[in-house]
Amino acid sequence: MNGNWLRVTPAELARAKDDLGWAYDVAQAAMDGAGERVDGTGKAWHAFDFLLDRQGVELPIVYGAEAFVETPEAEDEDDVTEDSEHDWGYGPPRYLTPEQVAEAAATLGGLTEDDLSRGVDQAELARADIYPQVWDRPDQLSWVTHHLPYAQRFFAAAAREGDAVICWLD
């Protein structure tokens, strides 16, 4: 399970709202190529979100704040239909607007790797059932926090260009 981000222009975001299949194809092409449009936290997504939350970051930078589609409250996950042709992974993608991207860039830009890990005991992540379950191994916090500089550059570039960001787990 990996956390992913895709930079899109406001026009591309508008098109994605109307055609998630098109957005899926754009995301796959970006992931297959080399470029600065796509990034993410890999398997560290849940822990990265956990550490941001501990810093008081309310904007869901990892997951996205806005929904493309309404997902019904289902008692059984099988009640939610998936678009098998465009399987984003673990649920439909979400997004951050250009304004939220600018907020994310400012928030991330004010943090250091030490800020994210200061006062955190890996046992706390184990107790919180944070994916993946690696918290019994030493130095796993640095594996998570090393994503911060990449996230800072990604969101700073997106904010500079006025881009939105599509977020998904696969």
Protein backbone atom coordinates (compact mmCIF):
# COMPACT_ATOMS: atom_id res chain seq x y z
CA MET A 1 0.00 0.00 0.00
CA ASN A 2 1.58 3.26 -1.16
CA GLY A 3 0.67 6.93 -0.82
CA ASN A 4 0.79 8.88 -4.09
CA TRP A 5 0.43 12.47 -5.27
CA LEU A 6 -0.11 13.79 -8.79
CA ARG A 7 0.22 17.47 -9.70
CA VAL A 8 -2.49 18.71 -12.04
CA THR A 9 -3.34 22.14 -13.41
CA PRO A 10 -6.69 23.66 -12.45
CA ALA A 11 -7.97 22.79 -15.95
CA GLU A 12 -6.82 19.19 -15.53
CA LEU A 13 -8.48 19.04 -12.12
CA ALA A 14 -11.75 20.23 -13.68
CA ARG A 15 -11.46 17.51 -16.32
CA ALA A 16 -10.65 14.91 -13.66
CA LYS A 17 -13.83 15.86 -11.80
CA ASP A 18 -15.78 14.95 -14.94
CA ASP A 19 -13.68 11.95 -15.99
CA LEU A 20 -11.78 10.03 -13.31
CA GLY A 21 -10.83 7.43 -15.93
CA TRP A 22 -8.91 10.12 -17.79
CA ALA A 23 -7.22 11.19 -14.54
CA TYR A 24 -6.29 7.56 -13.83
CA ASP A 25 -4.61 7.30 -17.24
CA VAL A 26 -2.71 10.55 -16.58
CA ALA A 27 -1.61 9.26 -13.18
CA GLN A 28 -0.44 5.94 -14.62
CA ALA A 29 1.48 7.66 -17.42
CA ALA A 30 3.13 9.99 -14.89
CA MET A 31 4.08 7.06 -12.67
CA ASP A 32 5.54 5.18 -15.63
CA GLY A 33 7.68 8.14 -16.72
CA ALA A 34 10.27 10.22 -15.03
CA GLY A 35 9.16 13.64 -13.99
CA GLU A 36 8.15 15.96 -11.22
CA ARG A 37 4.38 15.56 -11.63
CA VAL A 38 4.16 12.53 -9.38
CA ASP A 39 5.57 11.79 -5.94
CA GLY A 40 4.45 10.30 -2.69
CA THR A 41 5.42 8.70 0.55
CA GLY A 42 5.35 5.08 -0.53
CA LYS A 43 4.60 2.68 2.30
CA ALA A 44 5.30 5.44 4.84
CA TRP A 45 2.01 7.24 4.02
CA HIS A 46 0.18 6.28 7.23
CA ALA A 47 3.12 7.08 9.50
CA PHE A 48 3.79 10.35 7.65
CA ASP A 49 0.18 11.36 8.20
CA PHE A 50 0.43 10.30 11.86
CA LEU A 51 3.53 12.44 12.39
CA LEU A 52 1.95 15.43 10.64
CA ASP A 53 -1.13 15.03 12.83
CA ARG A 54 1.09 15.05 15.94
CA GLN A 55 2.44 18.40 14.71
CA GLY A 56 -1.10 19.77 14.62
CA VAL A 57 -1.38 19.75 10.83
CA GLU A 58 -5.11 19.63 10.15
CA LEU A 59 -4.98 19.62 6.35
CA PRO A 60 -5.01 15.99 5.15
CA ILE A 61 -1.92 16.32 2.97
CA VAL A 62 -1.51 12.57 2.51
CA TYR A 63 -5.15 11.72 1.77
CA GLY A 64 -6.50 14.87 0.12
CA ALA A 65 -9.22 17.09 1.52
CA GLU A 66 -11.78 16.99 -1.28
CA ALA A 67 -13.69 14.03 -2.70
CA PHE A 68 -14.15 13.41 -6.41
CA VAL A 69 -17.04 11.06 -5.74
CA GLU A 70 -19.37 10.53 -2.86
CA THR A 71 -18.79 7.16 -1.28
CA PRO A 72 -21.79 5.79 0.57
CA GLU A 73 -21.49 4.84 4.20
CA ALA A 74 -21.47 1.08 3.72
CA GLU A 75 -21.78 -1.47 6.49
CA ASP A 76 -19.97 -3.94 4.27
CA GLU A 77 -17.10 -2.81 2.05
CA ASP A 78 -18.52 -5.08 -0.67
CA ASP A 79 -21.46 -2.65 -0.89
CA VAL A 80 -19.18 -0.04 -2.47
CA THR A 81 -18.78 -0.61 -6.17
CA GLU A 82 -15.39 -0.11 -7.76
CA ASP A 83 -14.58 0.91 -11.31
CA SER A 84 -12.63 -2.20 -12.26
CA GLU A 85 -11.21 -0.58 -15.39
CA HIS A 86 -9.66 2.23 -13.34
CA ASP A 87 -8.71 0.75 -10.01
CA TRP A 88 -7.01 3.52 -8.05
CA GLY A 89 -6.24 1.04 -5.30
CA TYR A 90 -7.68 1.53 -1.85
CA GLY A 91 -10.72 3.64 -2.58
CA PRO A 92 -11.27 6.55 -4.93
CA PRO A 93 -8.71 9.35 -5.11
CA ARG A 94 -9.19 12.66 -3.37
CA TYR A 95 -7.54 16.01 -4.06
CA LEU A 96 -6.18 19.24 -2.70
CA THR A 97 -7.20 22.49 -4.40
CA PRO A 98 -4.49 24.95 -5.50
CA GLU A 99 -5.23 26.98 -2.35
CA GLN A 100 -4.85 23.88 -0.17
CA VAL A 101 -1.64 22.98 -2.00
CA ALA A 102 -0.27 26.43 -1.15
CA GLU A 103 -1.25 25.86 2.49
CA ALA A 104 0.41 22.42 2.43
CA ALA A 105 3.58 23.90 0.94
CA ALA A 106 3.74 26.57 3.65
CA THR A 107 3.05 24.03 6.40
CA LEU A 108 5.57 21.48 5.17
CA GLY A 109 8.14 24.21 4.50
CA GLY A 110 8.06 25.18 8.17
CA LEU A 111 8.93 21.67 9.39
CA THR A 112 12.15 19.75 9.76
CA GLU A 113 12.68 16.02 9.94
CA ASP A 114 13.58 16.49 13.61
CA ASP A 115 10.26 18.29 14.19
CA LEU A 116 8.37 15.28 12.85
CA SER A 117 10.14 12.76 15.06
CA ARG A 118 10.77 14.83 18.20
CA GLY A 119 9.17 13.19 21.22
CA VAL A 120 7.83 10.24 19.23
CA ASP A 121 8.37 6.74 20.48
CA GLN A 122 8.02 4.04 17.84
CA ALA A 123 5.93 2.06 20.34
CA GLU A 124 3.35 4.85 19.99
CA LEU A 125 3.01 4.03 16.28
CA ALA A 126 2.70 0.33 17.08
CA ARG A 127 -0.06 1.05 19.63
CA ALA A 128 -1.86 3.22 17.09
CA ASP A 129 -1.69 0.33 14.56
CA ILE A 130 0.13 2.50 12.01
CA TYR A 131 0.84 0.78 8.69
CA PRO A 132 3.20 -0.89 8.01
CA GLN A 133 3.87 -2.78 11.21
CA VAL A 134 7.64 -2.18 11.36
CA TRP A 135 7.82 -0.27 14.63
CA ASP A 136 9.64 -3.04 16.49
CA ARG A 137 12.71 -2.39 14.30
CA PRO A 138 15.12 0.42 15.22
CA ASP A 139 15.34 3.68 13.26
CA GLN A 140 12.05 3.38 11.40
CA LEU A 141 11.11 6.98 12.20
CA SER A 142 13.99 8.19 10.03
CA TRP A 143 12.60 6.00 7.21
CA VAL A 144 9.37 8.01 7.50
CA THR A 145 10.82 11.47 8.07
CA HIS A 146 13.23 11.21 5.12
CA HIS A 147 10.16 11.77 2.90
CA LEU A 148 9.76 15.32 4.22
CA PRO A 149 12.29 17.05 1.91
CA TYR A 150 10.72 15.36 -1.12
CA ALA A 151 7.23 16.39 -0.01
CA GLN A 152 8.46 19.94 0.62
CA ARG A 153 9.93 20.22 -2.90
CA PHE A 154 6.88 18.60 -4.52
CA PHE A 155 4.33 20.85 -2.80
CA ALA A 156 6.47 23.98 -3.18
CA ALA A 157 6.73 23.39 -6.94
CA ALA A 158 3.00 22.64 -7.19
CA ALA A 159 2.15 25.80 -5.23
CA ARG A 160 4.50 27.93 -7.36
CA GLU A 161 2.71 26.71 -10.52
CA GLY A 162 -0.79 27.06 -9.01
CA ASP A 163 -1.40 23.32 -9.33
CA ALA A 164 -3.83 21.08 -7.49
CA VAL A 165 -2.78 17.63 -6.25
CA ILE A 166 -4.62 14.34 -6.65
CA CYS A 167 -3.99 11.97 -3.72
CA TRP A 168 -4.54 8.20 -3.62
CA LEU A 169 -3.41 4.97 -2.02
CA ASP A 170 -2.55 1.98 -4.17
